[in-house]
Protein backbone atom coordinates (compact mmCIF):
# COMPACT_ATOMS: atom_id res chain seq x y z
CA MET A 1 39.86 186.09 -43.56
CA SER A 2 39.02 189.92 -43.39
CA ASP A 3 40.34 190.83 -39.97
CA TRP A 4 44.06 189.48 -40.09
CA THR A 5 44.61 190.91 -36.25
CA THR A 6 43.22 187.43 -35.28
CA PHE A 7 46.52 185.83 -36.43
CA GLY A 8 49.01 188.51 -36.21
CA ARG A 9 49.84 192.08 -35.31
CA VAL A 10 52.31 195.15 -36.01
CA ASP A 11 54.41 197.08 -33.20
CA ALA A 12 54.81 200.43 -33.25
CA ASP A 13 58.43 200.09 -34.50
CA GLY A 14 57.08 198.05 -37.63
CA THR A 15 58.09 194.69 -36.63
CA VAL A 16 55.32 192.07 -37.71
CA TYR A 17 54.13 189.19 -35.42
CA VAL A 18 52.22 185.98 -36.05
CA LYS A 19 50.08 184.33 -33.30
CA THR A 20 50.07 180.84 -33.08
CA ALA A 21 49.06 178.50 -30.00
CA GLU A 22 52.63 178.40 -28.95
CA GLY A 23 52.61 182.54 -28.94
CA GLU A 24 53.81 184.96 -30.77
CA ARG A 25 56.90 185.11 -33.12
CA VAL A 26 58.31 187.60 -35.48
CA VAL A 27 57.92 187.27 -39.15
CA GLY A 28 59.12 190.13 -40.29
CA SER A 29 59.27 194.02 -40.47
CA TRP A 30 56.69 196.44 -42.16
CA GLN A 31 58.02 200.36 -42.78
CA ALA A 32 56.09 200.97 -46.26
CA GLY A 33 52.60 202.02 -45.11
CA ALA A 34 49.97 201.48 -42.55
CA PRO A 35 49.96 198.25 -39.93
CA GLU A 36 46.82 196.84 -41.80
CA GLU A 37 48.80 197.04 -45.11
CA GLY A 38 51.63 195.22 -43.67
CA LEU A 39 49.49 192.41 -41.99
CA ALA A 40 47.55 191.93 -45.34
CA HIS A 41 51.01 191.83 -47.25
CA PHE A 42 51.77 188.96 -44.79
CA ALA A 43 48.32 187.49 -45.13
CA ARG A 44 48.77 187.20 -48.93
CA ARG A 45 52.13 185.28 -48.31
CA PHE A 46 50.11 182.93 -46.28
CA ALA A 47 47.43 182.82 -48.75
CA ASP A 48 50.25 181.21 -51.39
CA LEU A 49 50.98 178.75 -48.86
CA VAL A 50 47.26 177.62 -48.72
CA THR A 51 46.97 177.57 -52.50
CA GLU A 52 50.09 175.31 -52.81
CA VAL A 53 48.29 173.27 -50.26
CA ASP A 54 45.37 173.20 -51.98
CA LEU A 55 46.90 172.11 -55.48
CA THR A 56 48.78 169.46 -53.59
CA GLU A 57 45.61 167.76 -51.96
CA THR A 58 43.52 168.05 -55.19
CA ARG A 59 46.59 166.48 -56.97
CA LEU A 60 46.92 163.65 -54.48
CA ASN A 61 43.14 163.01 -54.09
CA SER A 62 42.90 162.87 -57.95
CA GLY A 63 45.69 160.59 -58.21
CA ALA A 64 47.39 162.84 -60.93
CA ALA A 65 50.14 163.17 -58.76
CA ASP A 66 52.67 160.55 -57.47
CA ALA A 67 51.81 159.94 -53.57
CA ALA A 68 55.47 159.74 -52.53
CA HIS A 69 56.38 163.28 -54.47
CA SER A 70 52.97 164.77 -52.77
CA LEU A 71 54.50 163.46 -49.37
CA THR A 72 57.52 165.38 -49.89
CA THR A 73 55.78 168.16 -51.08
CA VAL A 74 53.55 168.08 -47.82
CA LYS A 75 56.36 167.56 -45.30
CA ARG A 76 58.26 170.54 -46.92
CA LEU A 77 55.30 172.59 -46.39
CA ARG A 78 55.06 171.29 -43.14
CA ALA A 79 58.56 171.81 -41.98
CA SER A 80 58.31 175.34 -43.39
CA LEU A 81 55.50 176.52 -41.36
CA ALA A 82 57.87 177.13 -38.14
CA GLU A 83 59.87 179.75 -39.68
CA ALA A 84 57.27 181.06 -42.36
CA HIS A 85 56.98 184.87 -43.04
CA VAL A 86 53.10 184.94 -43.02
CA VAL A 87 50.38 186.08 -41.07
CA GLY A 88 47.36 183.65 -40.86
CA ASP A 89 45.85 180.59 -39.30
CA ILE A 90 49.35 178.61 -38.87
CA ASP A 91 47.80 176.18 -36.41
CA GLY A 92 44.76 175.22 -38.89
CA LEU A 93 47.12 174.99 -41.44
CA THR A 94 49.39 172.64 -39.69
CA GLU A 95 46.46 170.51 -38.51
CA ARG A 96 45.49 170.14 -42.47
CA LEU A 97 48.87 169.31 -43.49
CA ASP A 98 49.44 167.04 -40.99
CA LYS A 99 45.86 164.99 -42.09
CA LEU A 100 47.24 165.33 -45.65
CA ALA A 101 50.67 163.90 -44.77
CA ALA A 102 48.73 160.85 -43.20
CA ALA A 103 46.47 160.56 -46.63
CA ALA A 104 49.92 160.64 -48.59
CA GLU A 105 51.61 158.30 -46.93
CA GLN A 106 48.73 155.72 -46.92
CA LYS A 107 48.77 156.16 -50.65
CA ALA A 108 52.48 155.86 -51.10
CA GLY A 109 52.12 152.62 -49.06
CA GLU A 110 49.79 151.31 -51.27
CA ALA A 111 51.68 152.07 -54.15
CA ARG A 112 54.64 150.45 -52.69
CA ALA A 113 52.74 147.64 -51.86
CA ALA A 114 51.65 147.21 -55.57
CA ARG A 115 55.58 147.67 -56.78
CA ASP A 116 56.73 145.07 -54.13
CA ALA A 117 54.10 142.45 -55.30
CA ALA A 118 54.82 142.72 -58.64
CA ARG A 119 58.52 142.69 -57.83
CA THR A 120 58.00 139.51 -55.58
CA GLU A 121 56.23 138.02 -58.53
CA ALA A 122 59.15 138.78 -60.85
CA VAL A 123 61.61 137.66 -58.33
CA ALA A 124 59.71 134.32 -57.68
CA ARG A 125 59.69 133.84 -61.42
CA LYS A 126 63.29 134.10 -62.15
CA THR A 127 64.49 132.47 -59.07
CA ALA A 128 62.11 129.29 -60.20
CA LEU A 129 64.32 129.76 -63.39
CA VAL A 130 67.65 129.77 -61.56
CA GLU A 131 66.75 126.93 -59.20
CA GLU A 132 65.86 124.78 -62.53
CA ALA A 133 69.04 126.05 -64.15
CA GLU A 134 71.05 124.82 -61.27
CA LYS A 135 69.45 121.67 -60.77
CA LEU A 136 70.07 120.85 -64.57
CA ALA A 137 73.53 122.12 -64.31
CA ALA A 138 74.25 120.21 -61.29
CA GLU A 139 72.20 116.84 -61.84
CA SER A 140 71.52 116.35 -65.55
CA THR A 141 73.35 113.95 -67.72
CA GLY A 142 70.71 114.22 -70.36
CA TRP A 143 73.13 116.46 -72.06
CA LYS A 144 70.81 117.41 -75.69
CA SER A 145 67.49 117.84 -73.34
CA ALA A 146 69.13 119.72 -70.91
CA GLY A 147 71.10 122.13 -73.11
CA ASP A 148 68.00 122.79 -75.25
CA ARG A 149 65.80 123.39 -71.63
CA LEU A 150 68.77 125.79 -70.78
CA LYS A 151 68.12 127.85 -73.90
CA GLU A 152 64.50 127.86 -73.15
CA ILE A 153 64.84 129.14 -69.86
CA LEU A 154 67.18 131.89 -71.21
CA ASP A 155 64.42 133.20 -73.64
CA GLU A 156 61.84 132.85 -70.72
CA TRP A 157 64.29 135.01 -68.36
CA LYS A 158 64.00 137.82 -70.80
CA THR A 159 60.40 138.19 -70.65
CA VAL A 160 60.45 138.47 -67.27
CA ARG A 161 60.63 142.69 -65.93
CA GLY A 162 60.38 144.47 -62.51
CA VAL A 163 63.11 142.93 -60.65
CA ASP A 164 65.70 145.20 -59.06
CA LYS A 165 69.19 145.49 -60.26
CA LYS A 166 71.07 143.90 -57.38
CA THR A 167 68.65 140.89 -57.02
CA ASP A 168 68.44 140.54 -60.83
CA GLY A 169 72.10 140.34 -60.96
CA GLU A 170 72.56 138.06 -57.97
CA LEU A 171 70.05 135.63 -59.77
CA TRP A 172 72.01 136.20 -63.39
CA LYS A 173 75.10 135.27 -61.52
CA ARG A 174 73.58 131.86 -60.03
CA PHE A 175 71.98 131.23 -63.58
CA ALA A 176 75.08 131.97 -65.69
CA ALA A 177 77.00 129.93 -62.99
CA ALA A 178 74.67 126.97 -63.41
CA ARG A 179 74.72 127.25 -67.27
CA ASP A 180 78.32 127.48 -67.13
CA GLY A 181 78.81 125.05 -64.97
CA PHE A 182 76.70 122.59 -66.99
CA THR A 183 78.98 123.39 -69.92
CA ARG A 184 82.05 122.37 -68.06
CA ARG A 185 80.50 119.47 -66.60
CA ARG A 186 79.29 118.32 -70.10
CA GLY A 187 82.65 118.62 -71.65
CA ALA A 188 85.01 117.60 -68.73
CA HIS A 189 86.33 114.71 -67.62
CA PHE A 190 84.87 113.48 -64.46
CA ALA A 191 88.32 112.75 -62.75
CA THR A 192 89.65 116.15 -63.89
CA LEU A 193 86.50 117.94 -62.51
CA ASP A 194 86.75 115.93 -59.00
CA ALA A 195 90.18 117.02 -58.68
CA GLN A 196 89.23 120.96 -59.26
CA ARG A 197 86.56 120.62 -57.01
CA LYS A 198 88.94 119.31 -54.46
CA GLN A 199 91.42 122.22 -55.23
CA ALA A 200 88.15 124.97 -54.84
CA GLN A 201 87.23 123.41 -51.53
CA GLY A 202 90.71 123.79 -49.97
CA ALA A 203 90.81 127.50 -51.37
CA LYS A 204 87.38 128.27 -49.98
CA ASP A 205 88.07 126.42 -46.75
CA ASP A 206 91.28 128.84 -46.36
CA LEU A 207 88.79 131.57 -47.13
CA VAL A 208 86.24 130.29 -44.55
CA ARG A 209 88.80 129.96 -41.92
CA GLU A 210 90.11 133.72 -42.41
CA ALA A 211 86.61 134.87 -42.27
CA GLU A 212 85.60 133.41 -39.19
CA SER A 213 88.97 134.70 -37.43
CA LEU A 214 87.53 138.32 -38.37
CA ALA A 215 84.24 137.75 -37.11
CA GLU A 216 84.76 139.25 -33.79
CA SER A 217 86.99 142.14 -34.94
CA THR A 218 86.20 145.40 -33.69
CA ASP A 219 88.58 147.29 -36.62
CA TRP A 220 85.22 148.17 -38.38
CA ALA A 221 86.70 149.80 -41.60
CA ALA A 222 89.92 147.42 -42.25
CA THR A 223 87.98 144.16 -41.24
CA ALA A 224 85.00 145.17 -43.42
CA ASN A 225 87.73 145.52 -46.49
CA ARG A 226 88.95 142.32 -45.97
CA LEU A 227 85.78 140.61 -45.73
CA LYS A 228 84.67 142.35 -49.06
CA GLU A 229 87.96 140.97 -50.56
CA LEU A 230 87.54 137.58 -49.19
CA MET A 231 83.89 137.78 -51.05
CA SER A 232 85.36 138.73 -54.25
CA GLU A 233 88.04 135.96 -53.85
CA TRP A 234 85.33 133.35 -53.16
CA LYS A 235 83.14 134.29 -55.98
CA ALA A 236 86.47 134.15 -58.24
CA ALA A 237 87.07 130.87 -56.75
CA PRO A 238 85.92 127.58 -58.65
CA ARG A 239 82.75 125.79 -57.06
CA ALA A 240 83.60 122.70 -54.80
CA SER A 241 81.22 120.13 -54.95
CA LYS A 242 77.43 120.88 -54.02
CA GLU A 243 77.41 119.59 -50.46
CA ALA A 244 81.06 121.11 -49.62
CA GLU A 245 80.33 124.58 -51.30
CA GLN A 246 76.89 124.82 -49.36
CA ARG A 247 78.49 124.04 -45.89
CA LEU A 248 81.48 126.15 -46.48
CA TRP A 249 79.29 129.08 -47.90
CA GLU A 250 76.99 128.67 -44.70
CA ARG A 251 80.12 129.11 -42.68
CA PHE A 252 81.64 131.82 -44.80
CA ARG A 253 78.16 133.64 -44.74
CA ALA A 254 77.53 133.35 -41.00
CA ALA A 255 80.92 134.76 -40.20
CA GLN A 256 80.42 137.94 -42.51
CA ASP A 257 76.75 138.15 -41.00
CA SER A 258 78.03 138.15 -37.59
CA PHE A 259 80.98 140.72 -37.95
CA PHE A 260 78.53 143.32 -40.29
CA SER A 261 75.42 142.77 -37.72
CA ARG A 262 77.64 143.61 -34.51
CA ARG A 263 79.12 146.76 -36.87
CA SER A 264 75.47 147.85 -37.85
CA GLU A 265 74.48 147.62 -34.26
CA VAL A 266 77.54 149.93 -33.05
CA PHE A 267 76.71 152.02 -36.03
CA SER A 268 73.13 152.54 -35.02
CA ALA A 269 73.90 153.56 -31.38
CA ARG A 270 76.56 155.76 -32.32
CA ASP A 271 74.31 157.28 -35.01
CA ALA A 272 71.31 157.59 -32.64
CA GLU A 273 73.60 159.09 -29.91
CA GLN A 274 74.93 161.76 -32.43
CA ARG A 275 71.51 162.91 -33.59
CA GLY A 276 70.19 163.34 -29.92
CA ASN A 277 73.60 165.42 -29.75
CA LEU A 278 72.14 167.36 -32.53
CA GLU A 279 68.79 168.00 -31.27
CA ARG A 280 70.37 169.39 -28.01
CA LYS A 281 72.61 171.58 -29.84
CA GLN A 282 69.99 172.81 -32.13
CA ALA A 283 68.27 173.81 -29.10
CA LEU A 284 70.88 175.49 -27.55
CA LEU A 285 71.93 177.26 -30.67
CA ALA A 286 68.23 178.84 -31.14
CA GLU A 287 68.76 179.74 -27.48
CA ALA A 288 72.12 181.62 -28.09
CA GLU A 289 70.90 183.32 -31.51
CA ALA A 290 67.81 184.55 -29.40
CA LEU A 291 69.92 186.41 -27.17
CA ASP A 292 69.57 190.19 -26.82
CA VAL A 293 73.15 191.13 -26.92
CA ASP A 294 72.46 195.12 -27.70
CA ALA A 295 70.11 195.38 -24.44
CA ASP A 296 72.63 193.91 -22.18
CA PRO A 297 76.16 192.57 -23.56
CA ARG A 298 77.15 191.54 -19.99
CA ALA A 299 74.21 189.37 -19.77
CA ALA A 300 74.30 188.01 -23.06
CA GLN A 301 78.16 187.01 -22.29
CA ALA A 302 77.10 185.24 -19.23
CA LYS A 303 74.53 183.53 -20.90
CA LEU A 304 76.67 182.49 -23.74
CA ARG A 305 79.37 181.27 -21.76
CA GLU A 306 76.74 178.93 -20.00
CA ILE A 307 75.46 177.58 -23.48
CA GLN A 308 78.86 176.82 -24.50
CA GLY A 309 79.44 174.93 -21.58
CA GLN A 310 76.28 172.93 -22.48
CA TRP A 311 77.51 172.99 -26.01
CA HIS A 312 80.90 170.98 -25.40
CA GLU A 313 79.08 168.65 -23.31
CA ALA A 314 76.39 167.50 -25.49
CA GLY A 315 78.97 165.59 -27.55
CA ARG A 316 79.73 165.00 -31.19
CA VAL A 317 77.17 165.36 -33.83
CA PRO A 318 76.64 164.19 -37.39
CA ARG A 319 79.83 165.22 -39.26
CA GLU A 320 77.40 166.87 -42.53
CA ALA A 321 75.64 169.44 -39.55
CA ALA A 322 78.77 169.89 -37.21
CA ALA A 323 80.68 172.60 -39.37
CA GLY A 324 77.36 174.79 -39.88
CA LEU A 325 76.50 174.47 -36.38
CA ASP A 326 79.67 175.64 -35.03
CA ARG A 327 79.95 178.61 -37.29
CA ARG A 328 76.70 179.80 -36.29
CA LEU A 329 77.75 179.29 -32.55
CA ARG A 330 81.05 181.30 -33.66
CA ALA A 331 79.07 184.24 -35.40
CA VAL A 332 76.87 184.70 -31.97
CA ASP A 333 80.24 184.55 -30.09
CA GLU A 334 81.41 187.13 -32.47
CA LYS A 335 78.57 189.36 -31.83
CA VAL A 336 78.84 189.18 -28.00
CA ARG A 337 82.86 189.99 -28.15
CA VAL A 338 82.03 193.20 -30.38
CA ALA A 339 79.22 194.40 -27.87
CA MET A 340 81.66 193.76 -25.15
CA ASP A 341 84.58 195.18 -26.71
CA SER A 342 82.45 198.52 -27.52
CA ALA A 343 80.83 198.61 -23.82
CA TRP A 344 84.64 197.98 -22.37
CA ARG A 345 85.73 201.19 -24.18
CA ARG A 346 82.97 203.17 -22.43
CA THR A 347 83.36 201.65 -19.03
CA GLU A 348 86.03 202.99 -16.48
CA PRO A 349 88.92 200.71 -15.67
CA SER A 350 87.75 199.58 -12.26
CA ALA A 351 84.66 198.28 -13.71
CA ASN A 352 85.98 196.51 -16.77
CA PRO A 353 83.89 194.12 -17.94
CA LEU A 354 86.71 191.98 -19.54
CA LEU A 355 88.13 191.06 -16.17
CA VAL A 356 84.44 190.41 -15.06
CA GLN A 357 83.96 188.30 -18.12
CA MET A 358 87.46 186.42 -17.21
CA ARG A 359 86.51 186.00 -13.78
CA GLU A 360 83.34 184.21 -14.80
CA GLN A 361 85.25 181.87 -17.10
CA VAL A 362 87.31 180.91 -14.53
CA ALA A 363 84.54 180.22 -12.05
CA GLU A 364 83.12 178.23 -15.15
CA ALA A 365 86.39 176.28 -15.57
CA GLU A 366 86.16 175.41 -12.08
CA GLN A 367 82.64 174.01 -12.23
CA ARG A 368 83.30 172.07 -15.11
CA LEU A 369 86.35 170.64 -13.20
CA ALA A 370 84.19 169.92 -10.33
CA ARG A 371 81.83 168.39 -12.70
CA ALA A 372 84.54 165.83 -14.26
CA GLN A 373 85.94 165.02 -10.87
CA ALA A 374 82.33 163.94 -9.76
CA ALA A 375 81.93 162.12 -12.81
CA GLY A 376 85.13 160.19 -12.36
CA ASP A 377 86.07 160.94 -16.17
CA ALA A 378 90.15 160.95 -16.01
CA LYS A 379 90.19 162.44 -19.51
CA ARG A 380 87.65 165.29 -18.90
CA ILE A 381 89.74 166.00 -15.42
CA LYS A 382 92.85 166.35 -17.32
CA GLU A 383 91.25 168.65 -20.18
CA ALA A 384 89.53 170.72 -17.33
CA GLU A 385 92.40 171.21 -14.94
CA ARG A 386 94.67 172.51 -18.35
CA ALA A 387 91.86 174.93 -19.15
CA LEU A 388 91.14 176.04 -15.86
CA ALA A 389 95.11 176.97 -15.38
CA SER A 390 95.11 178.68 -18.83
CA LYS A 391 92.37 181.01 -17.67
CA LYS A 392 93.89 181.74 -14.02
CA GLN A 393 96.88 182.63 -15.89
CA PHE A 394 95.13 185.30 -18.28
CA LEU A 395 93.34 186.54 -15.48
CA ALA A 396 96.27 187.18 -13.46
CA LEU A 397 97.79 188.97 -16.48
CA ALA A 398 94.73 190.91 -17.13
CA GLU A 399 94.49 192.34 -13.40
CA GLN A 400 98.04 193.41 -13.18
CA ALA A 401 97.54 195.41 -16.75
CA SER A 402 94.83 197.14 -15.17
């Protein structure tokens, strides 16, 4: 590009703008020379972005880079364009990054599929070994041949790679339990073993009944902790007979699945609602931060009060985002307050903007109360009534003082 004015301009006051399909936005300020030099400076920054995109694309296409890592880089670059302090063809680079993201996603998917296939094969091999070991432990009476085969299974187990830690641990627990069960069965008297199994069945039946009693609970944290404790107790308890163990386990697992499935649905709905609230508050915050406080403090204050009303109605957002959003909104509020204080000191008492502001706040509080009454929300009505009474009291005091 030789004519940077195609994608940007510099105002008389040195403000630098970039042009996009959505319109112009400020990307910086240039006071060090001619406007053409300023555009060239920000264009070089854009060229640096293009270079990074070129490198990422080359490494992705050549296979030299991990596709997932490339996808992360592409997404980072794509997200940065909305606020990048550059002058150039941002729309074109955005389209290019979108296509590159799709290509990286495809390659990453292919890599995941290959890993999943290898893992599936490894899990199948270890599962087959576990099932064979469990069958030997549960059924075999050929003690020597079964013991030799369990050793062979262990040696073969060590050659299998690629199973994730959790699954491998679960399979290993099953294998170890089978091997231990075989050893116990080989050395224990059948009558003693039967007694142990009956005792285990009674203990696990108690665990199952308690788990089933908790399946419909909505005390999410306490119940989840208790179900985890029950699972630990289940694992620590001796095994019942094969048939009883399976029957009890199915009931026990069904009770846990019922609770955790309901909890997951509730949490997912809450998280989705909070993500929507976050998007709304981010939009409100962008609108607040864009207010021209210096040009018209009163108008900025009125608009901020409107935004704050919508802010409170937007609801809760994810915990990790709440503090940052509130801090930025308080910064805008402080900026407006300082501007209003400055305007108040320059204004006659009869036109005191503080009184105007307080009257507007009373009007807003009355509107909020009306909305709460229309919604029939008792909690909101009570809160709105308290807020309105407080604002009216402060207004009356201010009017008396003036």
